[in-house]
């Protein structure tokens, strides 16, 4: 007789656990798996890294103001009278390459192409030679557009308009070329004048001009 009550107890306990795992596997297990998929909205979080990009722009603004404050006043208060002058020593045959490098640095630092005027005392810059092959009208139309770096040689520099930055390549030409071009370039530089060439010759001319 005692054997009978023990058997139903065993059957009940055996059935109990079986029912529990079976039901637990059917419902909870598959549903949590799709659950991580909603985590896909975390992908929009990727824009989050994109948002840091704007802060990067804010950072330059913070740095720019500091740099712009000193340079800005110099441009507005003393532009025509005394733009900042930088000298890049270079032989006559290397002055044009030095000028090109200076222009690249200016553009990389944030200067707009239309802010830059390049003047040569000797052979014209290859860009000028190429553009002039299409005629004077096309050449000067680009100058008037003012949206790109403009290259002029000593023969036409007097016709060029002022720009914030003027780069001069003292790359040869007549003995009087530098003496004539540097004062004109200086007068056309609103904020900065960069001169590439022989330091002694350049200092001599600028000193005489002063």
Protein backbone atom coordinates (compact mmCIF):
# COMPACT_ATOMS: atom_id res chain seq x y z
CA UNK A 1 0.00 0.00 0.00
CA UNK A 2 2.70 2.60 0.71
CA UNK A 3 4.09 1.97 -2.75
CA UNK A 4 1.05 3.47 -4.39
CA UNK A 5 1.38 7.00 -2.89
CA UNK A 6 5.07 7.13 -3.68
CA UNK A 7 4.58 6.46 -7.39
CA UNK A 8 2.19 9.36 -8.05
CA UNK A 9 4.59 11.69 -6.27
CA UNK A 10 7.41 10.66 -8.57
CA UNK A 11 5.21 11.06 -11.64
CA UNK A 12 4.11 14.50 -10.56
CA UNK A 13 7.62 15.72 -9.91
CA UNK A 14 8.83 14.31 -13.20
CA UNK A 15 6.02 15.89 -15.14
CA UNK A 16 6.46 19.21 -13.39
CA UNK A 17 10.00 19.93 -14.52
CA UNK A 18 9.29 18.65 -18.01
CA UNK A 19 6.41 21.02 -18.43
CA UNK A 20 8.44 23.94 -17.13
CA UNK A 21 11.41 23.70 -19.50
CA UNK A 22 9.17 22.93 -22.44
CA UNK A 23 7.07 26.02 -21.90
CA UNK A 24 10.10 28.13 -21.05
CA UNK A 25 11.87 27.17 -24.25
CA UNK A 26 8.88 27.90 -26.46
CA UNK A 27 8.11 31.42 -25.35
CA UNK A 28 11.01 33.28 -23.67
CA UNK A 29 13.94 31.89 -25.56
CA UNK A 30 13.04 32.94 -29.16
CA UNK A 31 11.58 36.28 -28.12
CA UNK A 32 14.71 37.62 -26.41
CA UNK A 33 16.70 36.83 -29.54
CA UNK A 34 14.82 39.37 -31.64
CA UNK A 35 15.13 41.63 -28.67
CA UNK A 36 18.74 42.54 -29.51
CA UNK A 37 17.59 43.56 -32.99
CA UNK A 38 15.87 46.63 -31.60
CA UNK A 39 19.34 47.50 -30.48
CA UNK A 40 19.82 48.35 -34.14
CA UNK A 41 18.56 51.84 -33.32
CA UNK A 42 21.94 52.14 -31.74
CA UNK A 43 23.16 52.55 -35.31
CA UNK A 44 21.69 56.00 -35.37
CA UNK A 45 24.19 56.43 -32.63
CA UNK A 46 26.75 56.49 -35.43
CA UNK A 47 25.57 59.95 -36.28
CA UNK A 48 26.76 60.62 -32.79
CA UNK A 49 30.36 60.49 -33.98
CA UNK A 50 29.29 62.70 -36.82
CA UNK A 51 28.04 65.24 -34.30
CA UNK A 52 31.54 65.56 -32.91
CA UNK A 53 32.43 66.89 -36.32
CA UNK A 54 30.52 70.11 -35.71
CA UNK A 55 32.37 70.57 -32.46
CA UNK A 56 35.52 70.36 -34.48
CA UNK A 57 34.27 73.31 -36.45
CA UNK A 58 33.54 75.08 -33.21
CA UNK A 59 37.09 74.45 -32.12
CA UNK A 60 38.54 76.19 -35.16
CA UNK A 61 36.19 79.02 -34.45
CA UNK A 62 37.68 79.27 -31.02
CA UNK A 63 41.17 79.17 -32.45
CA UNK A 64 40.37 81.33 -35.43
CA UNK A 65 39.06 84.18 -33.36
CA UNK A 66 42.30 84.24 -31.47
CA UNK A 67 44.27 84.35 -34.68
CA UNK A 68 41.76 86.53 -36.43
CA UNK A 69 41.77 89.08 -33.67
CA UNK A 70 45.40 89.98 -34.21
CA UNK A 71 45.32 89.59 -37.95
CA UNK A 72 41.89 91.14 -38.43
CA UNK A 73 42.77 94.48 -36.94
CA UNK A 74 46.01 94.47 -38.84
CA UNK A 75 44.03 94.10 -42.03
CA UNK A 76 41.43 96.69 -41.25
CA UNK A 77 43.48 99.22 -39.32
CA UNK A 78 46.80 99.04 -41.14
CA UNK A 79 46.10 97.20 -44.37
CA UNK A 80 47.38 99.43 -47.11
CA UNK A 81 50.12 100.98 -45.00
CA UNK A 82 51.86 97.93 -43.60
CA UNK A 83 50.71 94.40 -44.38
CA UNK A 84 52.72 91.70 -42.68
CA UNK A 85 55.73 90.70 -44.78
CA UNK A 86 57.25 87.21 -44.81
CA UNK A 87 60.44 86.33 -46.62
CA UNK A 88 61.18 82.85 -47.98
CA UNK A 89 64.83 82.60 -49.06
CA UNK A 90 65.19 80.96 -52.46
CA UNK A 91 67.42 81.25 -55.53
CA UNK A 92 65.90 82.81 -58.61
CA UNK A 93 65.45 79.41 -60.26
CA UNK A 94 63.67 78.04 -57.21
CA UNK A 95 61.56 81.09 -56.32
CA UNK A 96 58.53 79.93 -58.33
CA UNK A 97 58.49 76.52 -56.64
CA UNK A 98 58.78 78.22 -53.26
CA UNK A 99 55.84 80.45 -54.16
CA UNK A 100 53.74 77.44 -55.15
CA UNK A 101 54.52 75.78 -51.83
CA UNK A 102 53.56 78.96 -50.00
CA UNK A 103 50.22 79.03 -51.84
CA UNK A 104 49.56 75.38 -50.95
CA UNK A 105 50.19 76.12 -47.28
CA UNK A 106 47.90 79.13 -47.40
CA UNK A 107 45.05 77.09 -48.87
CA UNK A 108 45.61 74.24 -46.43
CA UNK A 109 45.47 76.68 -43.54
CA UNK A 110 42.02 77.83 -44.64
CA UNK A 111 42.70 80.76 -46.95
CA UNK A 112 40.18 81.04 -49.78
CA UNK A 113 41.76 80.70 -53.24
CA UNK A 114 40.26 84.03 -54.23
CA UNK A 115 42.24 85.71 -51.44
CA UNK A 116 45.57 84.99 -53.10
CA UNK A 117 47.44 86.85 -55.86
CA UNK A 118 50.76 85.48 -57.13
CA UNK A 119 53.18 87.79 -58.95
CA UNK A 120 56.33 86.78 -60.84
CA UNK A 121 59.22 89.06 -61.77
CA UNK A 122 60.66 86.77 -64.45
CA UNK A 123 58.98 84.06 -66.50
CA UNK A 124 55.19 83.97 -65.99
CA UNK A 125 53.71 81.15 -63.95
CA UNK A 126 52.70 78.12 -66.08
CA UNK A 127 49.06 78.71 -65.12
CA UNK A 128 49.21 82.26 -66.48
CA UNK A 129 50.87 81.11 -69.69
CA UNK A 130 48.17 78.48 -70.16
CA UNK A 131 45.28 80.83 -69.50
CA UNK A 132 46.72 83.58 -71.67
CA UNK A 133 46.77 81.10 -74.54
CA UNK A 134 42.98 81.49 -74.58
CA UNK A 135 43.25 85.26 -74.85
CA UNK A 136 43.40 88.27 -72.57
CA UNK A 137 39.63 88.46 -72.15
CA UNK A 138 39.39 84.95 -70.72
CA UNK A 139 42.46 85.52 -68.53
CA UNK A 140 41.21 88.75 -66.95
CA UNK A 141 37.68 87.39 -66.62
CA UNK A 142 39.08 84.89 -64.12
CA UNK A 143 40.82 87.72 -62.32
CA UNK A 144 37.56 89.67 -62.06
CA UNK A 145 35.64 86.57 -60.88
CA UNK A 146 37.94 86.50 -57.86
CA UNK A 147 37.14 82.90 -56.94
CA UNK A 148 40.56 81.35 -57.53
CA UNK A 149 44.26 82.04 -57.09
CA UNK A 150 45.34 84.50 -59.78
CA UNK A 151 48.81 84.61 -61.32
CA UNK A 152 50.23 87.76 -62.93
CA UNK A 153 53.67 88.73 -64.13
CA UNK A 154 55.55 91.99 -63.80
CA UNK A 155 54.21 93.28 -67.11
CA UNK A 156 50.58 93.24 -66.00
CA UNK A 157 50.79 93.48 -62.22
CA UNK A 158 49.70 97.10 -62.27
CA UNK A 159 46.33 95.95 -63.62
CA UNK A 160 45.79 93.39 -60.88
CA UNK A 161 43.45 94.29 -58.04
CA UNK A 162 44.32 94.11 -54.35
CA UNK A 163 43.85 90.85 -52.47
CA UNK A 164 44.30 89.91 -48.82
CA UNK A 165 47.44 87.89 -49.59
CA UNK A 166 50.04 88.59 -52.27
CA UNK A 167 52.84 86.10 -53.00
CA UNK A 168 55.80 87.35 -55.03
CA UNK A 169 58.27 85.05 -56.77
CA UNK A 170 61.46 86.95 -57.56
CA UNK A 171 62.37 84.46 -60.27
CA UNK A 172 64.63 86.57 -62.43
CA UNK A 173 63.73 89.12 -65.06
CA UNK A 174 65.38 92.50 -65.65
CA UNK A 175 67.49 93.97 -62.89
CA UNK A 176 64.77 96.53 -62.27
CA UNK A 177 61.96 93.94 -62.11
CA UNK A 178 62.12 93.38 -58.36
CA UNK A 179 62.48 97.10 -57.72
CA UNK A 180 59.32 97.74 -59.72
CA UNK A 181 57.20 94.75 -58.68
CA UNK A 182 57.78 94.60 -54.93
CA UNK A 183 56.38 98.08 -54.15
CA UNK A 184 53.34 97.35 -56.35
CA UNK A 185 52.82 93.99 -54.67
CA UNK A 186 53.17 95.57 -51.25
CA UNK A 187 50.51 98.12 -52.13
CA UNK A 188 48.12 95.35 -53.22
CA UNK A 189 48.54 93.15 -50.15
CA UNK A 190 45.70 93.66 -47.73
CA UNK A 191 46.98 91.53 -44.85
CA UNK A 192 50.02 89.51 -45.86
CA UNK A 193 52.82 89.71 -48.40
CA UNK A 194 55.08 86.69 -48.95
CA UNK A 195 58.24 87.18 -51.00
CA UNK A 196 60.27 84.25 -52.32
CA UNK A 197 63.76 85.08 -53.54
CA UNK A 198 67.17 86.40 -52.58
CA UNK A 199 66.89 87.94 -49.08
CA UNK A 200 69.54 90.57 -49.69
CA UNK A 201 67.90 91.80 -52.87
CA UNK A 202 64.43 91.78 -51.33
CA UNK A 203 65.46 93.59 -48.15
CA UNK A 204 67.31 96.13 -50.23
CA UNK A 205 64.26 96.87 -52.37
CA UNK A 206 61.78 96.97 -49.54
CA UNK A 207 64.13 99.08 -47.51
CA UNK A 208 64.45 101.55 -50.37
CA UNK A 209 60.70 101.56 -50.79
CA UNK A 210 60.27 102.38 -47.13
